Structures are given as C-alpha cells and as structure tokens.
C-alpha cells in the first residue's frame, strides 16, 4: 500500500514498530510538499531551494504519532 513498516511483538509483551515517513518514501509527495512550501514562502527571496534536504508535513506527522498512541492505548493490559 506504499508504506514501509516493521512490526515485531515479543513473547514478553514488548512491541516494536518502525515506520518510514511518507515524505521519505514517496517522490511525488516530496515534490508536492516542496511546491507548497515554495508557494507559501514565495515572499522570501533568500532561500536556496536546492539546498533544502527535505520536507515534512506536520499534519501527516501529528496524525501518524496520534495513530500510534491510540493503538498503544487500546491494547489490552497484560
């Protein structure tokens, strides 16, 4: 489905989840964020856009973190 994740549940009850941000794995998403950022900051003339290493959508980041906390909260106690 386009997301890169690693899940591991240990017998002790520990749970490990690694997930790649969509911005790091989807080229079209990165280009869209770059265009949006350039549009929002078009009044700033001193930004070298080719020197920016990457972009992160704060809305997507907050949603992902919230999703993980909700998942951790509904897990039954051991």
PDB file of N, CA and C in Angstrom:
ATOM      1  N   UNK A   1       0.816  -1.186   0.000  1.00  0.00           N
ATOM      2  CA  UNK A   1       0.000   0.000   0.000  1.00  0.00           C
ATOM      3  C   UNK A   1       0.864   1.255   0.000  1.00  0.00           C
ATOM      4  N   UNK A   2       2.147   1.115  -0.159  1.00  0.00           N
ATOM      5  CA  UNK A   2       3.002   2.271  -0.251  1.00  0.00           C
ATOM      6  C   UNK A   2       3.700   2.669   1.027  1.00  0.00           C
ATOM      7  N   UNK A   3       3.414   2.004   2.132  1.00  0.00           N
ATOM      8  CA  UNK A   3       4.091   2.364   3.378  1.00  0.00           C
ATOM      9  C   UNK A   3       5.110   1.290   3.736  1.00  0.00           C
ATOM     10  N   UNK A   4       6.218   1.735   4.306  1.00  0.00           N
ATOM     11  CA  UNK A   4       7.271   0.822   4.724  1.00  0.00           C
ATOM     12  C   UNK A   4       7.240   0.754   6.241  1.00  0.00           C
ATOM     13  N   UNK A   5       6.964  -0.444   6.781  1.00  0.00           N
ATOM     14  CA  UNK A   5       6.839  -0.618   8.220  1.00  0.00           C
ATOM     15  C   UNK A   5       7.477  -1.924   8.659  1.00  0.00           C
ATOM     16  N   UNK A   6       7.875  -1.955   9.909  1.00  0.00           N
ATOM     17  CA  UNK A   6       8.401  -3.167  10.536  1.00  0.00           C
ATOM     18  C   UNK A   6       7.708  -3.315  11.883  1.00  0.00           C
ATOM     19  N   UNK A   7       7.061  -4.451  12.093  1.00  0.00           N
ATOM     20  CA  UNK A   7       6.352  -4.732  13.339  1.00  0.00           C
ATOM     21  C   UNK A   7       6.957  -5.980  13.970  1.00  0.00           C
ATOM     22  N   UNK A   8       7.130  -5.944  15.280  1.00  0.00           N
ATOM     23  CA  UNK A   8       7.606  -7.137  15.969  1.00  0.00           C
ATOM     24  C   UNK A   8       7.008  -7.163  17.374  1.00  0.00           C
ATOM     25  N   UNK A   9       6.337  -8.270  17.695  1.00  0.00           N
ATOM     26  CA  UNK A   9       5.761  -8.461  19.019  1.00  0.00           C
ATOM     27  C   UNK A   9       6.525  -9.597  19.691  1.00  0.00           C
ATOM     28  N   UNK A  10       7.119  -9.278  20.830  1.00  0.00           N
ATOM     29  CA  UNK A  10       7.906 -10.264  21.551  1.00  0.00           C
ATOM     30  C   UNK A  10       7.025 -11.052  22.516  1.00  0.00           C
ATOM     31  N   UNK A  11       7.466 -12.234  22.904  1.00  0.00           N
ATOM     32  CA  UNK A  11       6.719 -13.055  23.855  1.00  0.00           C
ATOM     33  C   UNK A  11       6.590 -12.368  25.215  1.00  0.00           C
ATOM     34  N   UNK A  12       7.508 -11.477  25.541  1.00  0.00           N
ATOM     35  CA  UNK A  12       7.462 -10.771  26.817  1.00  0.00           C
ATOM     36  C   UNK A  12       6.376  -9.687  26.831  1.00  0.00           C
ATOM     37  N   UNK A  13       5.782  -9.408  25.670  1.00  0.00           N
ATOM     38  CA  UNK A  13       4.766  -8.378  25.587  1.00  0.00           C
ATOM     39  C   UNK A  13       5.287  -7.068  25.016  1.00  0.00           C
ATOM     40  N   UNK A  14       6.584  -6.993  24.802  1.00  0.00           N
ATOM     41  CA  UNK A  14       7.144  -5.786  24.196  1.00  0.00           C
ATOM     42  C   UNK A  14       6.754  -5.731  22.733  1.00  0.00           C
ATOM     43  N   UNK A  15       6.558  -4.526  22.255  1.00  0.00           N
ATOM     44  CA  UNK A  15       6.126  -4.310  20.882  1.00  0.00           C
ATOM     45  C   UNK A  15       7.038  -3.278  20.236  1.00  0.00           C
ATOM     46  N   UNK A  16       7.513  -3.565  19.046  1.00  0.00           N
ATOM     47  CA  UNK A  16       8.386  -2.648  18.317  1.00  0.00           C
ATOM     48  C   UNK A  16       7.740  -2.339  16.971  1.00  0.00           C
ATOM     49  N   UNK A  17       7.701  -1.054  16.651  1.00  0.00           N
ATOM     50  CA  UNK A  17       7.152  -0.639  15.356  1.00  0.00           C
ATOM     51  C   UNK A  17       8.028   0.468  14.784  1.00  0.00           C
ATOM     52  N   UNK A  18       8.593   0.210  13.630  1.00  0.00           N
ATOM     53  CA  UNK A  18       9.357   1.214  12.887  1.00  0.00           C
ATOM     54  C   UNK A  18       8.572   1.535  11.628  1.00  0.00           C
ATOM     55  N   UNK A  19       8.451   2.800  11.312  1.00  0.00           N
ATOM     56  CA  UNK A  19       7.718   3.200  10.109  1.00  0.00           C
ATOM     57  C   UNK A  19       8.450   4.350   9.424  1.00  0.00           C
ATOM     58  N   UNK A  20       8.507   4.271   8.111  1.00  0.00           N
ATOM     59  CA  UNK A  20       9.105   5.351   7.330  1.00  0.00           C
ATOM     60  C   UNK A  20       8.040   6.413   7.071  1.00  0.00           C
ATOM     61  N   UNK A  21       8.432   7.665   7.164  1.00  0.00           N
ATOM     62  CA  UNK A  21       7.502   8.741   6.832  1.00  0.00           C
ATOM     63  C   UNK A  21       7.242   8.741   5.332  1.00  0.00           C
ATOM     64  N   UNK A  22       6.036   9.076   4.984  1.00  0.00           N
ATOM     65  CA  UNK A  22       5.661   9.074   3.570  1.00  0.00           C
ATOM     66  C   UNK A  22       6.541  10.025   2.755  1.00  0.00           C
ATOM     67  N   UNK A  23       6.960  11.105   3.385  1.00  0.00           N
ATOM     68  CA  UNK A  23       7.802  12.079   2.698  1.00  0.00           C
ATOM     69  C   UNK A  23       9.139  11.492   2.266  1.00  0.00           C
ATOM     70  N   UNK A  24       9.613  10.503   2.993  1.00  0.00           N
ATOM     71  CA  UNK A  24      10.907   9.889   2.692  1.00  0.00           C
ATOM     72  C   UNK A  24      10.806   8.807   1.631  1.00  0.00           C
ATOM     73  N   UNK A  25       9.623   8.269   1.411  1.00  0.00           N
ATOM     74  CA  UNK A  25       9.492   7.131   0.504  1.00  0.00           C
ATOM     75  C   UNK A  25       8.733   7.433  -0.779  1.00  0.00           C
ATOM     76  N   UNK A  26       7.943   8.489  -0.804  1.00  0.00           N
ATOM     77  CA  UNK A  26       7.104   8.801  -1.962  1.00  0.00           C
ATOM     78  C   UNK A  26       7.614  10.072  -2.642  1.00  0.00           C
ATOM     79  N   UNK A  27       8.188   9.927  -3.812  1.00  0.00           N
ATOM     80  CA  UNK A  27       8.786  11.065  -4.527  1.00  0.00           C
ATOM     81  C   UNK A  27       7.747  12.127  -4.875  1.00  0.00           C
ATOM     82  N   UNK A  28       6.552  11.704  -5.292  1.00  0.00           N
ATOM     83  CA  UNK A  28       5.507  12.667  -5.643  1.00  0.00           C
ATOM     84  C   UNK A  28       5.071  13.479  -4.429  1.00  0.00           C
ATOM     85  N   UNK A  29       5.021  12.833  -3.274  1.00  0.00           N
ATOM     86  CA  UNK A  29       4.646  13.525  -2.046  1.00  0.00           C
ATOM     87  C   UNK A  29       5.684  14.594  -1.702  1.00  0.00           C
ATOM     88  N   UNK A  30       6.963  14.236  -1.846  1.00  0.00           N
ATOM     89  CA  UNK A  30       8.040  15.187  -1.566  1.00  0.00           C
ATOM     90  C   UNK A  30       7.959  16.385  -2.514  1.00  0.00           C
ATOM     91  N   UNK A  31       7.715  16.135  -3.789  1.00  0.00           N
ATOM     92  CA  UNK A  31       7.621  17.219  -4.762  1.00  0.00           C
ATOM     93  C   UNK A  31       6.426  18.124  -4.465  1.00  0.00           C
ATOM     94  N   UNK A  32       5.310  17.540  -4.041  1.00  0.00           N
ATOM     95  CA  UNK A  32       4.136  18.332  -3.682  1.00  0.00           C
ATOM     96  C   UNK A  32       4.438  19.228  -2.479  1.00  0.00           C
ATOM     97  N   UNK A  33       5.102  18.666  -1.462  1.00  0.00           N
ATOM     98  CA  UNK A  33       5.459  19.469  -0.288  1.00  0.00           C
ATOM     99  C   UNK A  33       6.420  20.597  -0.660  1.00  0.00           C
ATOM    100  N   UNK A  34       7.354  20.310  -1.561  1.00  0.00           N
ATOM    101  CA  UNK A  34       8.293  21.339  -1.996  1.00  0.00           C
ATOM    102  C   UNK A  34       7.551  22.465  -2.716  1.00  0.00           C
ATOM    103  N   UNK A  35       6.640  22.127  -3.601  1.00  0.00           N
ATOM    104  CA  UNK A  35       5.877  23.148  -4.317  1.00  0.00           C
ATOM    105  C   UNK A  35       5.011  23.966  -3.356  1.00  0.00           C
ATOM    106  N   UNK A  36       4.375  23.298  -2.392  1.00  0.00           N
ATOM    107  CA  UNK A  36       3.546  24.008  -1.411  1.00  0.00           C
ATOM    108  C   UNK A  36       4.391  24.958  -0.567  1.00  0.00           C
ATOM    109  N   UNK A  37       5.564  24.495  -0.144  1.00  0.00           N
ATOM    110  CA  UNK A  37       6.447  25.332   0.669  1.00  0.00           C
ATOM    111  C   UNK A  37       6.937  26.538  -0.126  1.00  0.00           C
ATOM    112  N   UNK A  38       7.318  26.304  -1.368  1.00  0.00           N
ATOM    113  CA  UNK A  38       7.772  27.407  -2.213  1.00  0.00           C
ATOM    114  C   UNK A  38       6.649  28.420  -2.431  1.00  0.00           C
ATOM    115  N   UNK A  39       5.437  27.943  -2.552  1.00  0.00           N
ATOM    116  CA  UNK A  39       4.287  28.830  -2.730  1.00  0.00           C
ATOM    117  C   UNK A  39       4.030  29.664  -1.474  1.00  0.00           C
ATOM    118  N   UNK A  40       4.094  29.024  -0.313  1.00  0.00           N
ATOM    119  CA  UNK A  40       3.843  29.731   0.941  1.00  0.00           C
ATOM    120  C   UNK A  40       4.948  30.734   1.284  1.00  0.00           C
ATOM    121  N   UNK A  41       6.175  30.415   0.876  1.00  0.00           N
ATOM    122  CA  UNK A  41       7.311  31.283   1.223  1.00  0.00           C
ATOM    123  C   UNK A  41       7.840  32.052   0.013  1.00  0.00           C
ATOM    124  N   UNK A  42       6.988  32.302  -0.958  1.00  0.00           N
ATOM    125  CA  UNK A  42       7.432  32.992  -2.177  1.00  0.00           C
ATOM    126  C   UNK A  42       7.929  34.413  -1.903  1.00  0.00           C
ATOM    127  N   UNK A  43       7.525  35.000  -0.775  1.00  0.00           N
ATOM    128  CA  UNK A  43       7.971  36.349  -0.436  1.00  0.00           C
ATOM    129  C   UNK A  43       9.404  36.370   0.116  1.00  0.00           C
ATOM    130  N   UNK A  44       9.955  35.204   0.451  1.00  0.00           N
ATOM    131  CA  UNK A  44      11.335  35.118   0.948  1.00  0.00           C
ATOM    132  C   UNK A  44      12.273  34.858  -0.227  1.00  0.00           C
ATOM    133  N   UNK A  45      13.066  35.835  -0.562  1.00  0.00           N
ATOM    134  CA  UNK A  45      13.940  35.721  -1.734  1.00  0.00           C
ATOM    135  C   UNK A  45      15.287  35.095  -1.420  1.00  0.00           C
ATOM    136  N   UNK A  46      15.642  34.951  -0.147  1.00  0.00           N
ATOM    137  CA  UNK A  46      16.976  34.485   0.216  1.00  0.00           C
ATOM    138  C   UNK A  46      17.068  32.971   0.455  1.00  0.00           C
ATOM    139  N   UNK A  47      16.053  32.210   0.108  1.00  0.00           N
ATOM    140  CA  UNK A  47      16.074  30.759   0.319  1.00  0.00           C
ATOM    141  C   UNK A  47      16.633  30.070  -0.921  1.00  0.00           C
ATOM    142  N   UNK A  48      17.619  29.209  -0.715  1.00  0.00           N
ATOM    143  CA  UNK A  48      18.187  28.404  -1.800  1.00  0.00           C
ATOM    144  C   UNK A  48      17.452  27.062  -1.779  1.00  0.00           C
ATOM    145  N   UNK A  49      16.464  26.900  -2.646  1.00  0.00           N
ATOM    146  CA  UNK A  49      15.586  25.732  -2.600  1.00  0.00           C
ATOM    147  C   UNK A  49      16.318  24.429  -2.897  1.00  0.00           C
ATOM    148  N   UNK A  50      17.356  24.462  -3.693  1.00  0.00           N
ATOM    149  CA  UNK A  50      18.100  23.235  -3.997  1.00  0.00           C
ATOM    150  C   UNK A  50      18.925  22.756  -2.808  1.00  0.00           C
ATOM    151  N   UNK A  51      19.167  23.631  -1.824  1.00  0.00           N
ATOM    152  CA  UNK A  51      19.958  23.266  -0.650  1.00  0.00           C
ATOM    153  C   UNK A  51      19.102  22.661   0.471  1.00  0.00           C
ATOM    154  N   UNK A  52      17.782  22.736   0.339  1.00  0.00           N
ATOM    155  CA  UNK A  52      16.889  22.172   1.364  1.00  0.00           C
ATOM    156  C   UNK A  52      16.919  20.644   1.231  1.00  0.00           C
ATOM    157  N   UNK A  53      17.308  19.921   2.310  1.00  0.00           N
ATOM    158  CA  UNK A  53      17.467  18.468   2.206  1.00  0.00           C
ATOM    159  C   UNK A  53      16.158  17.690   2.139  1.00  0.00           C
ATOM    160  N   UNK A  54      15.077  18.245   2.652  1.00  0.00           N
ATOM    161  CA  UNK A  54      13.815  17.520   2.620  1.00  0.00           C
ATOM    162  C   UNK A  54      12.689  18.320   3.242  1.00  0.00           C
ATOM    163  N   UNK A  55      11.500  17.760   3.183  1.00  0.00           N
ATOM    164  CA  UNK A  55      10.304  18.422   3.685  1.00  0.00           C
ATOM    165  C   UNK A  55       9.494  17.423   4.502  1.00  0.00           C
ATOM    166  N   UNK A  56       8.843  17.925   5.550  1.00  0.00           N
ATOM    167  CA  UNK A  56       7.984  17.078   6.370  1.00  0.00           C
ATOM    168  C   UNK A  56       6.640  17.779   6.526  1.00  0.00           C
ATOM    169  N   UNK A  57       5.578  17.038   6.287  1.00  0.00           N
ATOM    170  CA  UNK A  57       4.236  17.560   6.513  1.00  0.00           C
ATOM    171  C   UNK A  57       3.922  17.430   8.002  1.00  0.00           C
ATOM    172  N   UNK A  58       3.745  18.540   8.682  1.00  0.00           N
ATOM    173  CA  UNK A  58       3.457  18.496  10.115  1.00  0.00           C
ATOM    174  C   UNK A  58       2.103  17.850  10.380  1.00  0.00           C
ATOM    175  N   UNK A  59       1.143  18.058   9.496  1.00  0.00           N
ATOM    176  CA  UNK A  59      -0.173  17.431   9.663  1.00  0.00           C
ATOM    177  C   UNK A  59      -0.034  15.910   9.591  1.00  0.00           C
ATOM    178  N   UNK A  60       0.697  15.413   8.613  1.00  0.00           N
ATOM    179  CA  UNK A  60       0.905  13.978   8.468  1.00  0.00           C
ATOM    180  C   UNK A  60       1.685  13.412   9.656  1.00  0.00           C
ATOM    181  N   UNK A  61       2.676  14.144  10.145  1.00  0.00           N
ATOM    182  CA  UNK A  61       3.481  13.697  11.278  1.00  0.00           C
ATOM    183  C   UNK A  61       2.632  13.596  12.545  1.00  0.00           C
ATOM    184  N   UNK A  62       1.837  14.627  12.823  1.00  0.00           N
ATOM    185  CA  UNK A  62       0.969  14.608  14.009  1.00  0.00           C
ATOM    186  C   UNK A  62      -0.064  13.486  13.908  1.00  0.00           C
ATOM    187  N   UNK A  63      -0.630  13.298  12.722  1.00  0.00           N
ATOM    188  CA  UNK A  63      -1.601  12.220  12.516  1.00  0.00           C
ATOM    189  C   UNK A  63      -0.961  10.855  12.787  1.00  0.00           C
ATOM    190  N   UNK A  64       0.234  10.636  12.270  1.00  0.00           N
ATOM    191  CA  UNK A  64       0.916   9.354  12.446  1.00  0.00           C
ATOM    192  C   UNK A  64       1.230   9.096  13.920  1.00  0.00           C
ATOM    193  N   UNK A  65       1.747  10.102  14.614  1.00  0.00           N
ATOM    194  CA  UNK A  65       2.065   9.941  16.038  1.00  0.00           C
ATOM    195  C   UNK A  65       0.802   9.683  16.844  1.00  0.00           C
ATOM    196  N   UNK A  66      -0.271  10.419  16.545  1.00  0.00           N
ATOM    197  CA  UNK A  66      -1.547  10.218  17.229  1.00  0.00           C
ATOM    198  C   UNK A  66      -2.072   8.809  16.986  1.00  0.00           C
ATOM    199  N   UNK A  67      -1.956   8.335  15.776  1.00  0.00           N
ATOM    200  CA  UNK A  67      -2.392   6.977  15.429  1.00  0.00           C
ATOM    201  C   UNK A  67      -1.642   5.934  16.257  1.00  0.00           C
ATOM    202  N   UNK A  68      -0.347   6.123  16.446  1.00  0.00           N
ATOM    203  CA  UNK A  68       0.444   5.176  17.234  1.00  0.00           C
ATOM    204  C   UNK A  68       0.053   5.206  18.705  1.00  0.00           C
ATOM    205  N   UNK A  69      -0.180   6.400  19.244  1.00  0.00           N
ATOM    206  CA  UNK A  69      -0.599   6.491  20.641  1.00  0.00           C
ATOM    207  C   UNK A  69      -1.984   5.898  20.858  1.00  0.00           C
ATOM    208  N   UNK A  70      -2.897   6.092  19.902  1.00  0.00           N
ATOM    209  CA  UNK A  70      -4.219   5.491  20.023  1.00  0.00           C
ATOM    210  C   UNK A  70      -4.121   3.972  19.990  1.00  0.00           C
ATOM    211  N   UNK A  71      -3.262   3.448  19.124  1.00  0.00           N
ATOM    212  CA  UNK A  71      -3.083   1.997  19.047  1.00  0.00           C
ATOM    213  C   UNK A  71      -2.518   1.460  20.370  1.00  0.00           C
ATOM    214  N   UNK A  72      -1.545   2.154  20.922  1.00  0.00           N
ATOM    215  CA  UNK A  72      -0.923   1.717  22.182  1.00  0.00           C
ATOM    216  C   UNK A  72      -1.911   1.801  23.342  1.00  0.00           C
ATOM    217  N   UNK A  73      -2.850   2.752  23.291  1.00  0.00           N
ATOM    218  CA  UNK A  73      -3.796   2.957  24.367  1.00  0.00           C
ATOM    219  C   UNK A  73      -4.881   1.885  24.400  1.00  0.00           C
ATOM    220  N   UNK A  74      -5.285   1.347  23.260  1.00  0.00           N
ATOM    221  CA  UNK A  74      -6.371   0.366  23.232  1.00  0.00           C
ATOM    222  C   UNK A  74      -5.874  -1.063  23.387  1.00  0.00           C
ATOM    223  N   UNK A  75      -4.586  -1.254  23.440  1.00  0.00           N
ATOM    224  CA  UNK A  75      -4.067  -2.614  23.643  1.00  0.00           C
ATOM    225  C   UNK A  75      -4.445  -3.090  25.038  1.00  0.00           C
ATOM    226  N   UNK A  76      -4.950  -4.317  25.162  1.00  0.00           N
ATOM    227  CA  UNK A  76      -5.354  -4.804  26.486  1.00  0.00           C
ATOM    228  C   UNK A  76      -4.165  -4.979  27.419  1.00  0.00           C
ATOM    229  N   UNK A  77      -4.361  -4.732  28.713  1.00  0.00           N
ATOM    230  CA  UNK A  77      -3.252  -4.910  29.658  1.00  0.00           C
ATOM    231  C   UNK A  77      -2.872  -6.378  29.768  1.00  0.00           C
ATOM    232  N   UNK A  78      -1.622  -6.609  30.044  1.00  0.00           N
ATOM    233  CA  UNK A  78      -1.126  -7.990  30.142  1.00  0.00           C
ATOM    234  C   UNK A  78      -1.138  -8.435  31.585  1.00  0.00           C
TER     235      UNK A  78
END
